[in-house]
Amino acid sequence: MVNINKAIEIAKPLIKNYEGLASSTPPPNLTYVKKEGNPNDKIYAYWDKFAKIYTIGWGSTRLNGRPVQEKDVITRSEAEAIFTQEVIQQEGYLRKNVDLNKVNENQYAILISLTYNAGIGNLKSTRILPAINSGKSPSEVSAIIKDSLTTSRGVVVGGLVRRRKEESEFFLIPPIIRENKGAITIGLLLIGFGIGAYFYFKKKK
């Protein structure tokens, strides 16, 4: 059975790499915050032009149980806390819908990333989970991931197309390195993801 905690730790940097921590300047400007910084740095809400909603921190759409609003401001430390809470929450939704005996940590991490990005409802509307639960091969599931959830409000988004392609490739990587070496593995893999993420962020601007 998949180790859920390890999968979550793999998923978190992958998700962050795509979502980006925005914005460090008040609207209408949009800039991405450096990975390291003061916990008290201000993080402002910004308008997601694709989803047509306000977002804050690492792609969060809700704050204190309500939708994010235009003038919301949080700190970097609050953004981190919200992000961790949402990853755990989304994993909980996912766990109820997938056979944990049929995925490894890397595969489950990608499913967490998909759930965080698209929502469990949208993920359930695809063929991804049925393919996993019915025992389809990783290559078959990977191909389905690549062609799924690439639109926002009916419009194909280039950043999502690239993200799904990279997630589908990561889905096929066996989690062969454990413990301390795991961080090195993730770091190396993120190098490949970095280029696609850069263009995704540029597209969102």
N, C-alpha and C. Protein backbone atom coordinates (compact mmCIF):
# COMPACT_ATOMS: atom_id res chain seq x y z
N MET A 1 0.84 -1.20 0.00
CA MET A 1 0.00 0.00 0.00
C MET A 1 0.88 1.25 0.00
N VAL A 2 0.41 2.26 -0.67
CA VAL A 2 1.16 3.51 -0.77
C VAL A 2 1.36 4.14 0.61
N ASN A 3 2.53 4.72 0.80
CA ASN A 3 2.81 5.47 2.03
C ASN A 3 2.29 6.89 1.80
N ILE A 4 1.18 7.22 2.42
CA ILE A 4 0.50 8.49 2.16
C ILE A 4 1.35 9.68 2.58
N ASN A 5 1.99 9.59 3.73
CA ASN A 5 2.80 10.71 4.20
C ASN A 5 3.95 11.01 3.26
N LYS A 6 4.60 9.98 2.76
CA LYS A 6 5.70 10.18 1.81
C LYS A 6 5.17 10.77 0.51
N ALA A 7 4.01 10.30 0.08
CA ALA A 7 3.41 10.82 -1.16
C ALA A 7 3.09 12.31 -1.02
N ILE A 8 2.59 12.70 0.14
CA ILE A 8 2.28 14.11 0.39
C ILE A 8 3.55 14.95 0.33
N GLU A 9 4.63 14.46 0.92
CA GLU A 9 5.89 15.21 0.91
C GLU A 9 6.47 15.32 -0.50
N ILE A 10 6.21 14.33 -1.34
CA ILE A 10 6.64 14.41 -2.73
C ILE A 10 5.75 15.41 -3.48
N ALA A 11 4.47 15.38 -3.19
CA ALA A 11 3.50 16.22 -3.91
C ALA A 11 3.69 17.71 -3.62
N LYS A 12 4.02 18.05 -2.40
CA LYS A 12 4.05 19.47 -2.00
C LYS A 12 5.00 20.31 -2.85
N PRO A 13 6.27 19.92 -3.04
CA PRO A 13 7.14 20.74 -3.89
C PRO A 13 6.71 20.74 -5.35
N LEU A 14 6.12 19.63 -5.81
CA LEU A 14 5.64 19.60 -7.19
C LEU A 14 4.52 20.62 -7.39
N ILE A 15 3.59 20.64 -6.46
CA ILE A 15 2.47 21.58 -6.54
C ILE A 15 2.98 23.01 -6.46
N LYS A 16 3.87 23.27 -5.51
CA LYS A 16 4.42 24.62 -5.36
C LYS A 16 5.13 25.07 -6.63
N ASN A 17 5.82 24.15 -7.27
CA ASN A 17 6.56 24.48 -8.48
C ASN A 17 5.63 24.99 -9.57
N TYR A 18 4.42 24.47 -9.60
CA TYR A 18 3.45 24.90 -10.60
C TYR A 18 2.65 26.12 -10.17
N GLU A 19 2.22 26.14 -8.93
CA GLU A 19 1.32 27.19 -8.50
C GLU A 19 2.02 28.54 -8.34
N GLY A 20 3.21 28.51 -7.79
CA GLY A 20 3.91 29.76 -7.55
C GLY A 20 3.28 30.52 -6.39
N LEU A 21 4.11 31.19 -5.61
CA LEU A 21 3.61 31.98 -4.48
C LEU A 21 3.43 33.42 -4.95
N ALA A 22 2.21 33.80 -5.19
CA ALA A 22 1.91 35.15 -5.71
C ALA A 22 0.80 35.74 -4.83
N SER A 23 0.75 37.00 -4.68
CA SER A 23 1.60 38.01 -5.29
C SER A 23 2.27 38.81 -4.20
N SER A 24 3.50 39.25 -4.47
CA SER A 24 4.22 40.04 -3.47
C SER A 24 3.96 41.53 -3.62
N THR A 25 3.15 41.89 -4.59
CA THR A 25 2.77 43.29 -4.79
C THR A 25 1.26 43.40 -4.90
N PRO A 26 0.69 44.50 -4.48
CA PRO A 26 -0.76 44.67 -4.54
C PRO A 26 -1.26 44.65 -5.99
N PRO A 27 -2.50 44.18 -6.22
CA PRO A 27 -3.10 44.24 -7.56
C PRO A 27 -3.11 45.67 -8.06
N PRO A 28 -3.05 45.92 -9.39
CA PRO A 28 -3.15 44.91 -10.45
C PRO A 28 -1.84 44.25 -10.82
N ASN A 29 -0.77 44.53 -10.09
CA ASN A 29 0.52 43.90 -10.39
C ASN A 29 0.49 42.43 -9.96
N LEU A 30 1.35 41.63 -10.58
CA LEU A 30 1.44 40.21 -10.22
C LEU A 30 2.89 39.78 -10.31
N THR A 31 3.49 39.51 -9.18
CA THR A 31 4.86 39.02 -9.17
C THR A 31 4.94 37.80 -8.28
N TYR A 32 5.89 36.93 -8.59
CA TYR A 32 6.04 35.71 -7.81
C TYR A 32 7.14 35.87 -6.77
N VAL A 33 6.87 35.40 -5.58
CA VAL A 33 7.75 35.58 -4.44
C VAL A 33 8.90 34.57 -4.50
N LYS A 34 10.07 34.99 -4.05
CA LYS A 34 11.20 34.07 -3.98
C LYS A 34 10.89 32.95 -2.99
N LYS A 35 11.52 31.80 -3.23
CA LYS A 35 11.25 30.63 -2.40
C LYS A 35 11.57 30.88 -0.93
N GLU A 36 12.63 31.64 -0.67
CA GLU A 36 13.01 31.94 0.71
C GLU A 36 12.70 33.39 1.02
N GLY A 37 12.26 33.64 2.25
CA GLY A 37 11.94 35.01 2.61
C GLY A 37 11.48 35.13 4.04
N ASN A 38 11.09 36.32 4.42
CA ASN A 38 10.63 36.59 5.77
C ASN A 38 9.23 36.01 5.97
N PRO A 39 9.00 35.28 7.06
CA PRO A 39 7.67 34.72 7.32
C PRO A 39 6.57 35.78 7.35
N ASN A 40 6.97 37.03 7.63
CA ASN A 40 5.98 38.11 7.72
C ASN A 40 5.78 38.85 6.40
N ASP A 41 6.43 38.43 5.34
CA ASP A 41 6.22 39.04 4.02
C ASP A 41 4.74 39.03 3.68
N LYS A 42 4.25 40.13 3.13
CA LYS A 42 2.84 40.21 2.76
C LYS A 42 2.59 39.51 1.42
N ILE A 43 1.51 38.76 1.37
CA ILE A 43 1.09 38.07 0.16
C ILE A 43 -0.32 38.54 -0.17
N TYR A 44 -0.50 39.10 -1.35
CA TYR A 44 -1.77 39.70 -1.74
C TYR A 44 -2.60 38.78 -2.64
N ALA A 45 -3.91 38.94 -2.55
CA ALA A 45 -4.80 38.21 -3.45
C ALA A 45 -4.61 38.73 -4.88
N TYR A 46 -4.80 37.87 -5.85
CA TYR A 46 -4.71 38.28 -7.25
C TYR A 46 -5.80 37.59 -8.06
N TRP A 47 -6.09 38.15 -9.21
CA TRP A 47 -7.16 37.66 -10.08
C TRP A 47 -6.62 36.60 -11.04
N ASP A 48 -7.21 35.41 -10.98
CA ASP A 48 -6.86 34.34 -11.92
C ASP A 48 -7.72 34.52 -13.16
N LYS A 49 -7.09 34.97 -14.24
CA LYS A 49 -7.85 35.32 -15.44
C LYS A 49 -8.44 34.11 -16.14
N PHE A 50 -7.93 32.92 -15.85
CA PHE A 50 -8.48 31.72 -16.47
C PHE A 50 -9.67 31.18 -15.69
N ALA A 51 -9.50 31.05 -14.37
CA ALA A 51 -10.58 30.53 -13.53
C ALA A 51 -11.63 31.60 -13.19
N LYS A 52 -11.26 32.88 -13.40
CA LYS A 52 -12.16 34.00 -13.12
C LYS A 52 -12.52 34.09 -11.64
N ILE A 53 -11.51 33.88 -10.81
CA ILE A 53 -11.70 33.98 -9.36
C ILE A 53 -10.45 34.59 -8.74
N TYR A 54 -10.58 35.10 -7.51
CA TYR A 54 -9.42 35.60 -6.79
C TYR A 54 -8.71 34.42 -6.11
N THR A 55 -7.40 34.49 -6.13
CA THR A 55 -6.55 33.45 -5.58
C THR A 55 -5.52 34.09 -4.67
N ILE A 56 -5.04 33.32 -3.71
CA ILE A 56 -4.01 33.86 -2.81
C ILE A 56 -3.04 32.75 -2.42
N GLY A 57 -1.80 33.14 -2.14
CA GLY A 57 -0.80 32.15 -1.72
C GLY A 57 -0.46 31.17 -2.83
N TRP A 58 -0.39 29.91 -2.44
CA TRP A 58 -0.07 28.85 -3.40
C TRP A 58 -1.32 28.37 -4.11
N GLY A 59 -1.99 29.28 -4.81
CA GLY A 59 -3.16 28.90 -5.59
C GLY A 59 -4.41 28.64 -4.76
N SER A 60 -4.47 29.16 -3.55
CA SER A 60 -5.64 28.93 -2.70
C SER A 60 -6.80 29.80 -3.13
N THR A 61 -7.98 29.23 -3.18
CA THR A 61 -9.17 29.97 -3.60
C THR A 61 -10.10 30.29 -2.43
N ARG A 62 -9.78 29.74 -1.25
CA ARG A 62 -10.62 30.01 -0.08
C ARG A 62 -9.74 30.45 1.08
N LEU A 63 -10.30 31.29 1.92
CA LEU A 63 -9.59 31.85 3.06
C LEU A 63 -10.57 31.93 4.23
N ASN A 64 -10.25 31.25 5.30
CA ASN A 64 -11.12 31.23 6.48
C ASN A 64 -12.53 30.76 6.14
N GLY A 65 -12.62 29.78 5.26
CA GLY A 65 -13.90 29.18 4.91
C GLY A 65 -14.72 29.93 3.89
N ARG A 66 -14.21 31.00 3.32
CA ARG A 66 -14.95 31.77 2.32
C ARG A 66 -14.09 31.97 1.08
N PRO A 67 -14.68 32.35 -0.04
CA PRO A 67 -13.89 32.61 -1.24
C PRO A 67 -12.91 33.76 -1.01
N VAL A 68 -11.74 33.68 -1.61
CA VAL A 68 -10.76 34.75 -1.52
C VAL A 68 -11.34 36.01 -2.16
N GLN A 69 -11.10 37.15 -1.53
CA GLN A 69 -11.61 38.42 -2.03
C GLN A 69 -10.46 39.34 -2.46
N GLU A 70 -10.79 40.32 -3.24
CA GLU A 70 -9.80 41.18 -3.88
C GLU A 70 -8.80 41.80 -2.92
N LYS A 71 -9.24 42.25 -1.76
CA LYS A 71 -8.37 42.99 -0.86
C LYS A 71 -7.76 42.12 0.25
N ASP A 72 -7.86 40.81 0.11
CA ASP A 72 -7.28 39.92 1.13
C ASP A 72 -5.75 39.99 1.11
N VAL A 73 -5.17 40.00 2.29
CA VAL A 73 -3.71 40.00 2.45
C VAL A 73 -3.36 39.03 3.57
N ILE A 74 -2.37 38.17 3.32
CA ILE A 74 -1.89 37.25 4.34
C ILE A 74 -0.37 37.33 4.39
N THR A 75 0.24 36.64 5.33
CA THR A 75 1.69 36.59 5.41
C THR A 75 2.20 35.32 4.73
N ARG A 76 3.50 35.28 4.49
CA ARG A 76 4.10 34.09 3.90
C ARG A 76 3.86 32.86 4.79
N SER A 77 4.01 33.03 6.10
CA SER A 77 3.81 31.90 7.01
C SER A 77 2.36 31.42 6.98
N GLU A 78 1.42 32.36 6.85
CA GLU A 78 0.02 31.97 6.74
C GLU A 78 -0.24 31.24 5.43
N ALA A 79 0.42 31.69 4.36
CA ALA A 79 0.27 31.03 3.06
C ALA A 79 0.76 29.59 3.15
N GLU A 80 1.86 29.38 3.86
CA GLU A 80 2.41 28.04 4.03
C GLU A 80 1.45 27.15 4.81
N ALA A 81 0.88 27.71 5.87
CA ALA A 81 -0.04 26.94 6.70
C ALA A 81 -1.30 26.57 5.93
N ILE A 82 -1.81 27.52 5.15
CA ILE A 82 -3.00 27.26 4.34
C ILE A 82 -2.71 26.20 3.29
N PHE A 83 -1.53 26.31 2.66
CA PHE A 83 -1.14 25.34 1.64
C PHE A 83 -1.09 23.93 2.20
N THR A 84 -0.40 23.77 3.33
CA THR A 84 -0.29 22.45 3.94
C THR A 84 -1.65 21.89 4.30
N GLN A 85 -2.50 22.73 4.86
CA GLN A 85 -3.86 22.30 5.23
C GLN A 85 -4.64 21.85 4.01
N GLU A 86 -4.52 22.60 2.92
CA GLU A 86 -5.28 22.27 1.71
C GLU A 86 -4.77 21.00 1.05
N VAL A 87 -3.46 20.79 1.07
CA VAL A 87 -2.92 19.56 0.50
C VAL A 87 -3.45 18.35 1.26
N ILE A 88 -3.43 18.44 2.58
CA ILE A 88 -3.94 17.34 3.40
C ILE A 88 -5.43 17.14 3.16
N GLN A 89 -6.17 18.23 3.04
CA GLN A 89 -7.60 18.15 2.79
C GLN A 89 -7.89 17.49 1.45
N GLN A 90 -7.18 17.93 0.42
CA GLN A 90 -7.41 17.37 -0.91
C GLN A 90 -7.01 15.90 -0.97
N GLU A 91 -5.95 15.54 -0.25
CA GLU A 91 -5.56 14.13 -0.20
C GLU A 91 -6.65 13.30 0.45
N GLY A 92 -7.29 13.86 1.46
CA GLY A 92 -8.39 13.15 2.11
C GLY A 92 -9.54 12.88 1.17
N TYR A 93 -9.88 13.86 0.33
CA TYR A 93 -10.92 13.65 -0.68
C TYR A 93 -10.50 12.57 -1.66
N LEU A 94 -9.23 12.64 -2.08
CA LEU A 94 -8.72 11.69 -3.07
C LEU A 94 -8.74 10.27 -2.54
N ARG A 95 -8.32 10.10 -1.28
CA ARG A 95 -8.18 8.78 -0.69
C ARG A 95 -9.47 7.97 -0.75
N LYS A 96 -10.60 8.66 -0.68
CA LYS A 96 -11.89 7.98 -0.70
C LYS A 96 -12.26 7.45 -2.09
N ASN A 97 -11.50 7.83 -3.10
CA ASN A 97 -11.89 7.52 -4.47
C ASN A 97 -10.87 6.71 -5.26
N VAL A 98 -9.79 6.29 -4.60
CA VAL A 98 -8.76 5.55 -5.32
C VAL A 98 -8.31 4.35 -4.50
N ASP A 99 -7.99 3.25 -5.18
CA ASP A 99 -7.48 2.05 -4.53
C ASP A 99 -6.00 2.28 -4.21
N LEU A 100 -5.68 2.43 -2.94
CA LEU A 100 -4.32 2.75 -2.53
C LEU A 100 -3.35 1.60 -2.76
N ASN A 101 -3.86 0.43 -3.04
CA ASN A 101 -3.00 -0.72 -3.33
C ASN A 101 -2.52 -0.73 -4.78
N LYS A 102 -3.04 0.18 -5.59
CA LYS A 102 -2.72 0.16 -7.01
C LYS A 102 -1.87 1.34 -7.47
N VAL A 103 -1.32 2.09 -6.51
CA VAL A 103 -0.44 3.21 -6.84
C VAL A 103 0.77 3.22 -5.92
N ASN A 104 1.87 3.78 -6.41
CA ASN A 104 3.04 3.97 -5.55
C ASN A 104 3.08 5.43 -5.10
N GLU A 105 4.13 5.81 -4.36
CA GLU A 105 4.17 7.16 -3.80
C GLU A 105 4.22 8.25 -4.88
N ASN A 106 5.01 8.04 -5.94
CA ASN A 106 5.08 9.04 -7.01
C ASN A 106 3.75 9.19 -7.73
N GLN A 107 3.11 8.07 -7.99
CA GLN A 107 1.81 8.09 -8.68
C GLN A 107 0.75 8.78 -7.82
N TYR A 108 0.77 8.47 -6.54
CA TYR A 108 -0.22 9.09 -5.66
C TYR A 108 0.07 10.59 -5.50
N ALA A 109 1.34 10.95 -5.51
CA ALA A 109 1.71 12.37 -5.43
C ALA A 109 1.13 13.13 -6.62
N ILE A 110 1.18 12.53 -7.80
CA ILE A 110 0.62 13.18 -8.98
C ILE A 110 -0.89 13.29 -8.86
N LEU A 111 -1.53 12.30 -8.31
CA LEU A 111 -2.98 12.37 -8.10
C LEU A 111 -3.33 13.48 -7.11
N ILE A 112 -2.50 13.66 -6.09
CA ILE A 112 -2.71 14.76 -5.15
C ILE A 112 -2.56 16.09 -5.87
N SER A 113 -1.55 16.19 -6.71
CA SER A 113 -1.33 17.41 -7.49
C SER A 113 -2.53 17.72 -8.38
N LEU A 114 -3.05 16.70 -9.03
CA LEU A 114 -4.22 16.87 -9.89
C LEU A 114 -5.43 17.32 -9.08
N THR A 115 -5.62 16.72 -7.92
CA THR A 115 -6.76 17.07 -7.07
C THR A 115 -6.64 18.50 -6.57
N TYR A 116 -5.44 18.88 -6.17
CA TYR A 116 -5.20 20.25 -5.69
C TYR A 116 -5.48 21.26 -6.79
N ASN A 117 -5.07 20.95 -7.98
CA ASN A 117 -5.20 21.88 -9.10
C ASN A 117 -6.62 21.95 -9.65
N ALA A 118 -7.25 20.81 -9.82
CA ALA A 118 -8.54 20.76 -10.51
C ALA A 118 -9.73 20.52 -9.59
N GLY A 119 -9.49 19.99 -8.40
CA GLY A 119 -10.59 19.66 -7.51
C GLY A 119 -11.02 18.21 -7.69
N ILE A 120 -11.45 17.58 -6.62
CA ILE A 120 -11.80 16.16 -6.69
C ILE A 120 -12.99 15.92 -7.63
N GLY A 121 -13.92 16.88 -7.68
CA GLY A 121 -15.07 16.70 -8.56
C GLY A 121 -14.66 16.61 -10.02
N ASN A 122 -13.78 17.51 -10.44
CA ASN A 122 -13.31 17.49 -11.82
C ASN A 122 -12.45 16.26 -12.09
N LEU A 123 -11.64 15.87 -11.11
CA LEU A 123 -10.82 14.67 -11.30
C LEU A 123 -11.71 13.44 -11.47
N LYS A 124 -12.78 13.36 -10.70
CA LYS A 124 -13.69 12.21 -10.79
C LYS A 124 -14.44 12.18 -12.12
N SER A 125 -14.52 13.31 -12.78
CA SER A 125 -15.22 13.35 -14.08
C SER A 125 -14.34 12.83 -15.22
N THR A 126 -13.07 12.57 -14.94
CA THR A 126 -12.16 12.05 -15.96
C THR A 126 -12.10 10.52 -15.88
N ARG A 127 -11.30 9.95 -16.77
CA ARG A 127 -11.11 8.49 -16.77
C ARG A 127 -9.92 8.05 -15.93
N ILE A 128 -9.27 9.01 -15.25
CA ILE A 128 -8.05 8.69 -14.53
C ILE A 128 -8.28 7.70 -13.38
N LEU A 129 -9.17 8.04 -12.47
CA LEU A 129 -9.39 7.18 -11.31
C LEU A 129 -9.98 5.82 -11.69
N PRO A 130 -10.99 5.78 -12.59
CA PRO A 130 -11.49 4.47 -13.02
C PRO A 130 -10.40 3.60 -13.65
N ALA A 131 -9.49 4.23 -14.38
CA ALA A 131 -8.41 3.47 -15.02
C ALA A 131 -7.50 2.85 -13.96
N ILE A 132 -7.18 3.63 -12.92
CA ILE A 132 -6.33 3.10 -11.84
C ILE A 132 -7.05 2.01 -11.08
N ASN A 133 -8.28 2.27 -10.70
CA ASN A 133 -9.03 1.31 -9.88
C ASN A 133 -9.35 0.02 -10.61
N SER A 134 -9.39 0.07 -11.94
CA SER A 134 -9.67 -1.14 -12.72
C SER A 134 -8.40 -1.88 -13.11
N GLY A 135 -7.25 -1.36 -12.70
CA GLY A 135 -6.01 -2.08 -12.93
C GLY A 135 -5.30 -1.79 -14.23
N LYS A 136 -5.60 -0.67 -14.86
CA LYS A 136 -4.90 -0.31 -16.08
C LYS A 136 -3.41 -0.12 -15.79
N SER A 137 -2.58 -0.32 -16.79
CA SER A 137 -1.14 -0.19 -16.62
C SER A 137 -0.77 1.27 -16.39
N PRO A 138 0.38 1.53 -15.73
CA PRO A 138 0.83 2.90 -15.53
C PRO A 138 0.94 3.69 -16.83
N SER A 139 1.38 3.05 -17.89
CA SER A 139 1.51 3.76 -19.17
C SER A 139 0.15 4.18 -19.71
N GLU A 140 -0.86 3.32 -19.49
CA GLU A 140 -2.21 3.68 -19.94
C GLU A 140 -2.76 4.84 -19.12
N VAL A 141 -2.54 4.79 -17.81
CA VAL A 141 -3.01 5.87 -16.95
C VAL A 141 -2.27 7.17 -17.28
N SER A 142 -0.98 7.06 -17.51
CA SER A 142 -0.18 8.22 -17.87
C SER A 142 -0.72 8.91 -19.11
N ALA A 143 -1.09 8.12 -20.11
CA ALA A 143 -1.63 8.68 -21.35
C ALA A 143 -2.95 9.41 -21.11
N ILE A 144 -3.74 8.88 -20.18
CA ILE A 144 -5.02 9.51 -19.85
C ILE A 144 -4.78 10.84 -19.13
N ILE A 145 -3.83 10.83 -18.18
CA ILE A 145 -3.51 12.06 -17.46
C ILE A 145 -3.09 13.15 -18.43
N LYS A 146 -2.27 12.79 -19.39
CA LYS A 146 -1.74 13.76 -20.35
C LYS A 146 -2.85 14.51 -21.08
N ASP A 147 -3.95 13.82 -21.36
CA ASP A 147 -5.04 14.41 -22.15
C ASP A 147 -6.21 14.90 -21.31
N SER A 148 -6.05 14.94 -20.00
CA SER A 148 -7.15 15.31 -19.10
C SER A 148 -6.93 16.67 -18.44
N LEU A 149 -8.03 17.34 -18.12
CA LEU A 149 -8.00 18.55 -17.30
C LEU A 149 -7.05 19.62 -17.84
N THR A 150 -7.16 19.88 -19.13
CA THR A 150 -6.29 20.88 -19.77
C THR A 150 -7.04 22.15 -20.13
N THR A 151 -8.29 22.27 -19.69
CA THR A 151 -9.08 23.45 -20.03
C THR A 151 -9.54 24.18 -18.77
N SER A 152 -9.84 25.46 -18.95
CA SER A 152 -10.43 26.27 -17.90
C SER A 152 -11.61 26.99 -18.51
N ARG A 153 -12.79 26.71 -18.00
CA ARG A 153 -14.02 27.27 -18.55
C ARG A 153 -14.15 27.01 -20.05
N GLY A 154 -13.76 25.79 -20.43
CA GLY A 154 -13.93 25.36 -21.81
C GLY A 154 -12.82 25.78 -22.76
N VAL A 155 -11.84 26.51 -22.26
CA VAL A 155 -10.75 27.00 -23.10
C VAL A 155 -9.46 26.24 -22.76
N VAL A 156 -8.80 25.71 -23.78
CA VAL A 156 -7.53 25.00 -23.56
C VAL A 156 -6.47 26.00 -23.11
N VAL A 157 -5.80 25.68 -22.01
CA VAL A 157 -4.78 26.54 -21.44
C VAL A 157 -3.41 25.89 -21.66
N GLY A 158 -2.53 26.61 -22.33
CA GLY A 158 -1.21 26.06 -22.65
C GLY A 158 -0.45 25.59 -21.42
N GLY A 159 -0.55 26.36 -20.33
CA GLY A 159 0.14 25.98 -19.10
C GLY A 159 -0.37 24.67 -18.54
N LEU A 160 -1.68 24.43 -18.65
CA LEU A 160 -2.24 23.18 -18.16
C LEU A 160 -1.84 22.01 -19.05
N VAL A 161 -1.75 22.25 -20.34
CA VAL A 161 -1.31 21.21 -21.28
C VAL A 161 0.11 20.77 -20.91
N ARG A 162 0.99 21.73 -20.65
CA ARG A 162 2.36 21.41 -20.27
C ARG A 162 2.41 20.71 -18.91
N ARG A 163 1.58 21.21 -17.99
CA ARG A 163 1.56 20.61 -16.65
C ARG A 163 1.11 19.15 -16.72
N ARG A 164 0.05 18.87 -17.45
CA ARG A 164 -0.42 17.50 -17.55
C ARG A 164 0.60 16.59 -18.21
N LYS A 165 1.30 17.12 -19.20
CA LYS A 165 2.34 16.32 -19.86
C LYS A 165 3.44 15.95 -18.87
N GLU A 166 3.89 16.91 -18.09
CA GLU A 166 4.95 16.66 -17.12
C GLU A 166 4.47 15.76 -15.99
N GLU A 167 3.23 15.95 -15.54
CA GLU A 167 2.67 15.09 -14.50
C GLU A 167 2.54 13.66 -15.00
N SER A 168 2.14 13.50 -16.26
CA SER A 168 1.99 12.16 -16.84
C SER A 168 3.35 11.46 -16.90
N GLU A 169 4.42 12.22 -17.15
CA GLU A 169 5.76 11.64 -17.21
C GLU A 169 6.24 11.27 -15.81
N PHE A 170 5.98 12.13 -14.85
CA PHE A 170 6.37 11.86 -13.46
C PHE A 170 5.65 10.62 -12.93
N PHE A 171 4.42 10.41 -13.39
CA PHE A 171 3.61 9.26 -12.96
C PHE A 171 4.33 7.94 -13.25
N LEU A 172 5.18 7.94 -14.25
CA LEU A 172 5.87 6.70 -14.67
C LEU A 172 7.20 6.49 -13.97
N ILE A 173 7.64 7.46 -13.15
CA ILE A 173 8.93 7.34 -12.48
C ILE A 173 8.78 6.53 -11.20
N PRO A 174 9.48 5.41 -11.08
CA PRO A 174 9.36 4.60 -9.85
C PRO A 174 10.03 5.29 -8.67
N PRO A 175 9.43 5.25 -7.50
CA PRO A 175 10.01 5.89 -6.31
C PRO A 175 11.08 5.00 -5.71
N ILE A 176 12.21 4.89 -6.37
CA ILE A 176 13.23 3.92 -5.97
C ILE A 176 14.17 4.45 -4.90
N ILE A 177 14.20 5.79 -4.69
CA ILE A 177 15.10 6.35 -3.68
C ILE A 177 14.28 6.82 -2.49
N ARG A 178 14.70 6.46 -1.31
CA ARG A 178 13.94 6.74 -0.11
C ARG A 178 14.74 7.62 0.86
N GLU A 179 14.10 7.98 1.94
CA GLU A 179 14.66 8.72 3.05
C GLU A 179 15.37 9.98 2.58
N ASN A 180 16.63 10.20 3.03
CA ASN A 180 17.30 11.45 2.73
C ASN A 180 17.56 11.65 1.25
N LYS A 181 17.75 10.56 0.53
CA LYS A 181 18.01 10.67 -0.89
C LYS A 181 16.78 11.12 -1.65
N GLY A 182 15.61 11.00 -1.02
CA GLY A 182 14.38 11.39 -1.69
C GLY A 182 14.37 12.86 -2.07
N ALA A 183 14.91 13.70 -1.18
CA ALA A 183 14.94 15.14 -1.46
C ALA A 183 15.80 15.43 -2.67
N ILE A 184 16.90 14.67 -2.83
CA ILE A 184 17.76 14.85 -3.99
C ILE A 184 17.02 14.47 -5.26
N THR A 185 16.30 13.37 -5.19
CA THR A 185 15.55 12.91 -6.35
C THR A 185 14.54 13.95 -6.79
N ILE A 186 13.78 14.47 -5.83
CA ILE A 186 12.76 15.47 -6.14
C ILE A 186 13.42 16.71 -6.74
N GLY A 187 14.56 17.10 -6.16
CA GLY A 187 15.26 18.27 -6.68
C GLY A 187 15.67 18.10 -8.13
N LEU A 188 16.18 16.92 -8.47
CA LEU A 188 16.59 16.66 -9.84
C LEU A 188 15.40 16.65 -10.78
N LEU A 189 14.33 16.07 -10.33
CA LEU A 189 13.14 16.00 -11.17
C LEU A 189 12.55 17.38 -11.40
N LEU A 190 12.63 18.23 -10.38
CA LEU A 190 12.07 19.57 -10.51
C LEU A 190 12.82 20.43 -11.51
N ILE A 191 14.07 20.06 -11.80
CA ILE A 191 14.80 20.81 -12.81
C ILE A 191 14.08 20.70 -14.14
N GLY A 192 13.63 19.48 -14.44
CA GLY A 192 12.89 19.27 -15.68
C GLY A 192 11.56 19.98 -15.68
N PHE A 193 10.94 20.04 -14.51
CA PHE A 193 9.65 20.70 -14.41
C PHE A 193 9.77 22.22 -14.45
N GLY A 194 10.92 22.73 -14.08
CA GLY A 194 11.08 24.18 -13.93
C GLY A 194 10.83 24.96 -15.19
N ILE A 195 11.31 24.44 -16.32
CA ILE A 195 11.14 25.16 -17.58
C ILE A 195 9.66 25.28 -17.93
N GLY A 196 8.94 24.17 -17.82
CA GLY A 196 7.52 24.21 -18.14
C GLY A 196 6.76 25.12 -17.19
N ALA A 197 7.14 25.08 -15.91
CA ALA A 197 6.46 25.91 -14.91
C ALA A 197 6.70 27.39 -15.19
N TYR A 198 7.92 27.72 -15.64
CA TYR A 198 8.23 29.12 -15.93
C TYR A 198 7.26 29.67 -16.98
N PHE A 199 7.08 28.92 -18.07
CA PHE A 199 6.20 29.38 -19.11
C PHE A 199 4.74 29.38 -18.66
N TYR A 200 4.41 28.47 -17.75
CA TYR A 200 3.05 28.44 -17.20
C TYR A 200 2.77 29.72 -16.41
N PHE A 201 3.76 30.13 -15.58
CA PHE A 201 3.59 31.35 -14.80
C PHE A 201 3.50 32.56 -15.71
N LYS A 202 4.34 32.58 -16.76
CA LYS A 202 4.30 33.70 -17.70
C LYS A 202 2.93 33.77 -18.38
N LYS A 203 2.35 32.61 -18.67
CA LYS A 203 1.03 32.57 -19.31
C LYS A 203 -0.03 33.13 -18.37
N LYS A 204 0.09 32.82 -17.06
CA LYS A 204 -0.91 33.28 -16.10
C LYS A 204 -0.86 34.78 -15.91
N LYS A 205 0.31 35.36 -16.10
CA LYS A 205 0.44 36.81 -15.99
C LYS A 205 -0.31 37.43 -17.12
